[in-house]
C-alpha cells in the first residue's frame, strides 16, 4: 500500500520478521525505517517512477543493475533507481532508513536550478561513500532525517516538512554526481529572452509532430536568425537539435513506463526511420532503446 508492488524472496525455512514504519514528508517524499529480520531479495514488479535513497544503520545489501552492482552498508548509501534496478539483496541484520522521492519532483527541482527543462532523464551515481564530498554534504541531512524518523511527534508543521524537502533535493542535486552535474556547476547563464522561452513552450506543446524551425520562429514572433542566435547563446544548441533531444527524451520516458513496442513509441514521437532513431538514441543516452526496455522487464 505504501510502496509499489514488489516480490520478496527468502530462503526455505526462513520467516520474515518485518519491522516497517513510514512518515510522509510531503506528497512527493516519504521516510521509512525497514528491517526484514532474514536475508531477503526484493524484485520490483510495478516500476514506480521513484528514487530510493537507502541508508543502512546496520547490516548490508547490494542493488543489482544490468551494468553492475551498488553495495550498501553504514559507510555506503545506495540511490536505487526503481525503473532500472533488477533486484536488491539485504542481509539478515539490515536496519535501513529509506527516503523515497518521486522522479517528477526531482526533475522539477532540477529544472528550477538549471533555469530550463532538461532534455533527458536524471541519472545519479548509484552510491554515496563515507569520506566523499557528497557524504560530507549529505551527513547533516541524513542526521536530520534520522531524527525526524525517530521523533515521537505524530505531525510536524507542514512548512517545516516543505523546507526539509527542498533541503534534501538541493543537497542531492548539488552534491551527488549525476548526468546534469556539469550543467549545474557552470556559471549561471543569463535569463533567456522571452522569444526563446516562447519557442521552448511551443516545442514541448507540439513535440509529437516535431515542428520545424520556421514554424517555431513564427510562433515566437522573431526571425529564424534571431531564433537560432537565441538558442545558441542561451541553450548552447540549435532549435532543431533542441527539438530532437526533447523528442528522444519523451521516447525514453515512455519506454520507462509503457509496455508498447519500441518502434510504436518512436513513431508516436515522430521517428519514422528505425535505424536513424536508434543511432540518435544511442548518441544521446549511451545505450540502445532495447537496453532501456530490458532494464524494466520484471524478473520471475
Foldseek 3Di string as FASTA:
>chain_A
DPDADKDKDADPPDDWPWDKDKDDLDPFKIKMKIAGQAKIKIAGDAQAQKKKWKAWPAWKKWWAFPVGIQIYGNFKIFIDRRLQTGMMITHNPTIIMIMIGHQVVLQVVVCVLLVHRDLAGKDFDTMDGPPAQLCVLCVVLVVVSVCVVPDPDRDDPSVVSVVSVNSVSVSCQARTDIPCNVSSPDPRADNQDPLQVQLVVVLVVVQQQQDDLCVSCVRSVHHSVVQQVSCCRGVVDGSNVSSVSNLLNQLLVCLSNDPDDSQVSSNSRPDNDVVVSQVVNCVVPVDGSVSSNVSNDTDD
